[in-house]
Amino acid sequence: MAPVRVALLECDHVDTDLRGVAGDYGEMFTRLFADHAPHLQLTRIDVVGGAPLPAVGDHDALVITGSRFGVHDDLPWVGALSQLLTAASAAAVPTVGICFGHQLIAHTLGGQVERAGVGWGLGVHRATPTDQGAAAFDRHAPFDLLVSHQDQVVALPEDARLLATSEHAPVAAFSAGSMLGFQGHPEFTPAYAAALMDSRRDRIPAGVIADAQPTLSTPTDHAAIARVIADHLAAGPA
């Protein structure tokens, strides 16, 4: 396939003491796509670290990573990234958001993001494609991904399409024009998910962690979702 120039907008970094598990987030995405979509040429941009955002048109497509921060946090880079998403949407630039990125797309386009009333989402969660999702993903079968989040999309933007839903997150995936979002993390490894939840025992209820830990042995569909993401990014302007 023809190369696709993708700006990987890094909205967080792995804590230093956990980087030996699977690297930083940018490395996780680089490895995921190298394995399953090598035609994607990633340029890592340290958004959370203050790197300037690219202009619309600098790259063929955008990927927005997860983050410990939230879409409602009053941080300059969050507002600037939201403005970039508005421009990218207007220009029909293929864009994919993961976890925080998924939530920021929804928030930017007029949807609603709130703290999940059911509490933390952890471990491997199963999402079921809607009829529209089955057509978009070319699969009717449910897919399993690792998740780690407190916030979630609770109302979609106008004209958005619900592509998948899960018991924990009613909006597990959606699209809106050239924008595609997934609540789950196809880039995570089980070892990193385990280390991350262990490092957050001070803020995650012990029972939630105990319930999530056994799910980490469930095989995930990260490869299939990586290819869905790659197909979207390679599609060109919507």
Protein backbone atom coordinates (compact mmCIF):
# COMPACT_ATOMS: atom_id res chain seq x y z
CA MET A 1 0.00 0.00 0.00
CA ALA A 2 1.06 3.59 -0.56
CA PRO A 3 2.72 5.26 2.45
CA VAL A 4 0.45 7.35 4.68
CA ARG A 5 2.05 10.21 6.63
CA VAL A 6 0.48 10.17 10.09
CA ALA A 7 0.98 12.70 12.88
CA LEU A 8 0.89 10.78 16.17
CA LEU A 9 -0.20 13.42 18.67
CA GLU A 10 1.12 12.23 22.03
CA CYS A 11 -1.15 13.46 24.83
CA ASP A 12 0.65 11.69 27.67
CA HIS A 13 3.78 9.73 28.55
CA VAL A 14 4.24 6.50 30.44
CA ASP A 15 5.62 7.07 33.94
CA THR A 16 9.38 6.62 33.95
CA ASP A 17 9.31 3.61 36.27
CA LEU A 18 6.90 1.77 33.94
CA ARG A 19 8.67 2.39 30.63
CA GLY A 20 10.61 -0.85 30.89
CA VAL A 21 7.35 -2.79 30.45
CA ALA A 22 6.36 -1.71 26.92
CA GLY A 23 8.04 1.63 26.31
CA ASP A 24 6.37 5.02 26.04
CA TYR A 25 2.98 5.46 24.38
CA GLY A 26 4.53 6.60 21.13
CA GLU A 27 6.59 3.42 21.03
CA MET A 28 3.50 1.30 21.66
CA PHE A 29 1.72 2.84 18.66
CA THR A 30 4.83 2.58 16.52
CA ARG A 31 5.13 -1.12 17.32
CA LEU A 32 1.41 -1.77 16.78
CA PHE A 33 1.40 -0.25 13.31
CA ALA A 34 4.80 -1.66 12.34
CA ASP A 35 3.34 -5.10 13.02
CA HIS A 36 -0.08 -4.64 11.42
CA ALA A 37 0.01 -1.57 9.15
CA PRO A 38 3.60 -0.86 8.08
CA HIS A 39 2.49 1.58 5.38
CA LEU A 40 1.69 4.12 8.12
CA GLN A 41 4.64 6.48 8.56
CA LEU A 42 4.34 7.96 12.05
CA THR A 43 5.75 11.30 13.10
CA ARG A 44 5.59 11.60 16.87
CA ILE A 45 4.59 15.03 18.19
CA ASP A 46 4.88 15.58 21.95
CA VAL A 47 1.71 17.61 22.43
CA VAL A 48 1.57 17.20 26.20
CA GLY A 49 5.22 18.27 26.37
CA GLY A 50 4.55 21.51 24.56
CA ALA A 51 5.58 20.68 20.99
CA PRO A 52 3.87 22.85 18.37
CA LEU A 53 0.85 21.27 16.75
CA PRO A 54 1.03 20.59 13.02
CA ALA A 55 -1.01 22.60 10.58
CA VAL A 56 -3.84 20.92 8.73
CA GLY A 57 -2.29 19.53 5.57
CA ASP A 58 1.15 18.87 7.04
CA HIS A 59 0.25 15.16 7.26
CA ASP A 60 -2.15 12.84 5.52
CA ALA A 61 -3.84 11.79 8.76
CA LEU A 62 -3.85 12.25 12.54
CA VAL A 63 -3.90 9.92 15.56
CA ILE A 64 -4.65 11.29 19.04
CA THR A 65 -3.46 9.10 21.91
CA GLY A 66 -4.90 8.49 25.33
CA SER A 67 -4.06 10.64 28.33
CA ARG A 68 -4.37 10.82 32.10
CA PHE A 69 -5.85 14.28 31.52
CA GLY A 70 -9.47 14.93 30.59
CA VAL A 71 -11.25 16.90 27.90
CA HIS A 72 -12.59 19.34 30.51
CA ASP A 73 -9.15 20.13 31.96
CA ASP A 74 -8.27 23.79 31.51
CA LEU A 75 -4.90 23.21 29.88
CA PRO A 76 -3.58 25.21 26.91
CA TRP A 77 -2.63 22.13 24.90
CA VAL A 78 -6.09 20.56 25.33
CA GLY A 79 -7.77 23.68 23.95
CA ALA A 80 -5.26 23.96 21.10
CA LEU A 81 -5.72 20.31 20.17
CA SER A 82 -9.48 20.77 20.15
CA GLN A 83 -9.06 23.68 17.73
CA LEU A 84 -6.89 21.50 15.49
CA LEU A 85 -9.57 18.81 15.50
CA THR A 86 -12.19 21.38 14.47
CA ALA A 87 -10.02 22.39 11.52
CA ALA A 88 -9.17 18.79 10.63
CA SER A 89 -12.84 17.85 10.67
CA ALA A 90 -13.72 20.78 8.40
CA ALA A 91 -10.94 19.75 6.01
CA ALA A 92 -12.00 16.07 6.15
CA VAL A 93 -8.57 14.92 7.35
CA PRO A 94 -8.74 11.24 8.40
CA THR A 95 -8.34 11.25 12.18
CA VAL A 96 -8.44 8.53 14.83
CA GLY A 97 -8.75 9.10 18.57
CA ILE A 98 -7.95 6.51 21.22
CA CYS A 99 -9.47 6.79 24.73
CA PHE A 100 -8.84 10.49 25.56
CA GLY A 101 -8.52 11.15 21.83
CA HIS A 102 -11.87 9.46 21.22
CA GLN A 103 -13.44 11.58 23.96
CA LEU A 104 -11.86 14.81 22.70
CA ILE A 105 -13.21 14.24 19.18
CA ALA A 106 -16.70 13.77 20.60
CA HIS A 107 -16.39 16.79 22.89
CA THR A 108 -15.00 19.02 20.13
CA LEU A 109 -17.76 18.14 17.69
CA GLY A 110 -20.55 18.81 20.19
CA GLY A 111 -20.92 15.51 22.02
CA GLN A 112 -20.83 15.01 25.77
CA VAL A 113 -18.10 13.45 27.91
CA GLU A 114 -18.56 12.71 31.61
CA ARG A 115 -17.09 10.66 34.41
CA ALA A 116 -18.47 7.14 34.00
CA GLY A 117 -21.22 6.50 36.53
CA VAL A 118 -20.22 2.84 36.72
CA GLY A 119 -16.68 3.71 37.76
CA TRP A 120 -13.32 2.78 36.29
CA GLY A 121 -13.13 0.71 33.13
CA LEU A 122 -10.20 -1.71 33.43
CA GLY A 123 -8.95 -4.89 31.86
CA VAL A 124 -10.23 -6.47 28.66
CA HIS A 125 -13.71 -5.32 27.65
CA ARG A 126 -15.84 -6.69 24.84
CA ALA A 127 -17.52 -4.32 22.39
CA THR A 128 -20.26 -5.30 19.96
CA PRO A 129 -20.50 -3.59 16.56
CA THR A 130 -23.78 -1.95 15.63
CA ASP A 131 -25.16 -2.55 12.14
CA GLN A 132 -23.31 0.56 10.99
CA GLY A 133 -20.18 -0.61 12.78
CA ALA A 134 -20.34 -4.04 11.17
CA ALA A 135 -20.38 -2.36 7.77
CA ALA A 136 -17.58 0.04 8.69
CA PHE A 137 -15.37 -2.63 10.26
CA ASP A 138 -16.34 -5.41 7.84
CA ARG A 139 -17.03 -7.61 10.86
CA HIS A 140 -20.16 -8.44 12.85
CA ALA A 141 -18.24 -10.26 15.59
CA PRO A 142 -17.59 -8.55 18.92
CA PHE A 143 -14.06 -7.35 19.55
CA ASP A 144 -12.02 -7.35 22.74
CA LEU A 145 -9.63 -4.54 23.69
CA LEU A 146 -7.80 -3.45 26.81
CA VAL A 147 -9.32 -0.40 28.48
CA SER A 148 -8.27 2.01 31.22
CA HIS A 149 -10.51 5.02 31.75
CA GLN A 150 -12.73 6.96 34.11
CA ASP A 151 -14.38 9.31 31.62
CA GLN A 152 -16.41 8.24 28.62
CA VAL A 153 -18.60 9.60 25.84
CA VAL A 154 -22.21 9.74 27.00
CA ALA A 155 -23.76 11.61 24.05
CA LEU A 156 -22.62 11.61 20.44
CA PRO A 157 -22.17 14.69 18.28
CA GLU A 158 -24.95 15.46 15.82
CA ASP A 159 -24.74 13.25 12.71
CA ALA A 160 -22.19 10.92 14.33
CA ARG A 161 -22.60 7.17 13.86
CA LEU A 162 -22.45 4.76 16.78
CA LEU A 163 -20.19 1.93 15.60
CA ALA A 164 -19.81 -0.24 18.70
CA THR A 165 -21.11 -0.47 22.25
CA SER A 166 -20.05 -2.29 25.39
CA GLU A 167 -21.62 -3.04 28.75
CA HIS A 168 -19.36 -0.51 30.45
CA ALA A 169 -19.09 2.13 27.71
CA PRO A 170 -22.23 2.58 25.60
CA VAL A 171 -20.12 4.49 23.06
CA ALA A 172 -17.21 2.11 22.53
CA ALA A 173 -16.55 3.38 19.00
CA PHE A 174 -18.06 6.04 16.75
CA SER A 175 -17.39 7.99 13.61
CA ALA A 176 -18.26 11.52 12.55
CA GLY A 177 -17.23 12.50 9.03
CA SER A 178 -13.49 11.89 8.78
CA MET A 179 -13.19 11.26 12.53
CA LEU A 180 -13.09 7.80 14.13
CA GLY A 181 -12.85 7.06 17.85
CA PHE A 182 -12.25 3.99 20.00
CA GLN A 183 -12.57 3.92 23.78
CA GLY A 184 -10.29 0.87 24.00
CA HIS A 185 -6.51 0.74 23.64
CA PRO A 186 -5.28 -1.45 20.76
CA GLU A 187 -1.72 -0.30 21.51
CA PHE A 188 -1.67 -1.59 25.12
CA THR A 189 -0.11 -4.90 26.07
CA PRO A 190 -1.50 -7.04 28.92
CA ALA A 191 1.76 -6.60 30.82
CA TYR A 192 1.51 -2.82 30.62
CA ALA A 193 -2.19 -2.83 31.55
CA ALA A 194 -1.33 -4.91 34.63
CA ALA A 195 1.53 -2.62 35.61
CA LEU A 196 -0.59 0.49 35.09
CA MET A 197 -3.46 -0.69 37.27
CA ASP A 198 -1.01 -1.81 39.95
CA SER A 199 0.57 1.66 39.96
CA ARG A 200 -2.87 3.22 40.48
CA ARG A 201 -3.95 1.26 43.54
CA ASP A 202 -4.10 4.52 45.45
CA ARG A 203 -6.99 5.72 43.30
CA ILE A 204 -8.70 2.62 41.88
CA PRO A 205 -10.86 0.52 44.25
CA ALA A 206 -9.24 -2.81 45.07
CA GLY A 207 -12.34 -4.71 43.98
CA VAL A 208 -12.24 -3.14 40.51
CA ILE A 209 -8.62 -4.21 40.08
CA ALA A 210 -9.38 -7.70 41.39
CA ASP A 211 -12.17 -8.08 38.84
CA ALA A 212 -10.03 -6.75 35.98
CA GLN A 213 -6.88 -8.80 36.58
CA PRO A 214 -8.27 -12.18 35.39
CA THR A 215 -9.44 -10.61 32.11
CA LEU A 216 -5.86 -9.80 31.12
CA SER A 217 -5.41 -13.37 29.88
CA THR A 218 -8.21 -12.88 27.32
CA PRO A 219 -6.81 -12.60 23.78
CA THR A 220 -7.52 -9.19 22.30
CA ASP A 221 -8.44 -8.10 18.79
CA HIS A 222 -5.78 -5.40 18.65
CA ALA A 223 -4.50 -6.59 15.27
CA ALA A 224 -7.93 -6.41 13.63
CA ILE A 225 -8.66 -2.98 15.11
CA ALA A 226 -5.22 -1.72 14.06
CA ARG A 227 -6.10 -2.67 10.49
CA VAL A 228 -9.49 -0.92 10.78
CA ILE A 229 -7.68 2.19 11.99
CA ALA A 230 -5.10 1.93 9.20
CA ASP A 231 -7.80 1.61 6.55
CA HIS A 232 -9.50 4.73 7.90
CA LEU A 233 -6.25 6.72 7.97
CA ALA A 234 -5.39 5.66 4.42
CA ALA A 235 -8.80 6.54 3.01
CA GLY A 236 -7.91 10.13 2.18
CA PRO A 237 -10.30 13.06 2.64
CA ALA A 238 -13.81 11.90 3.52
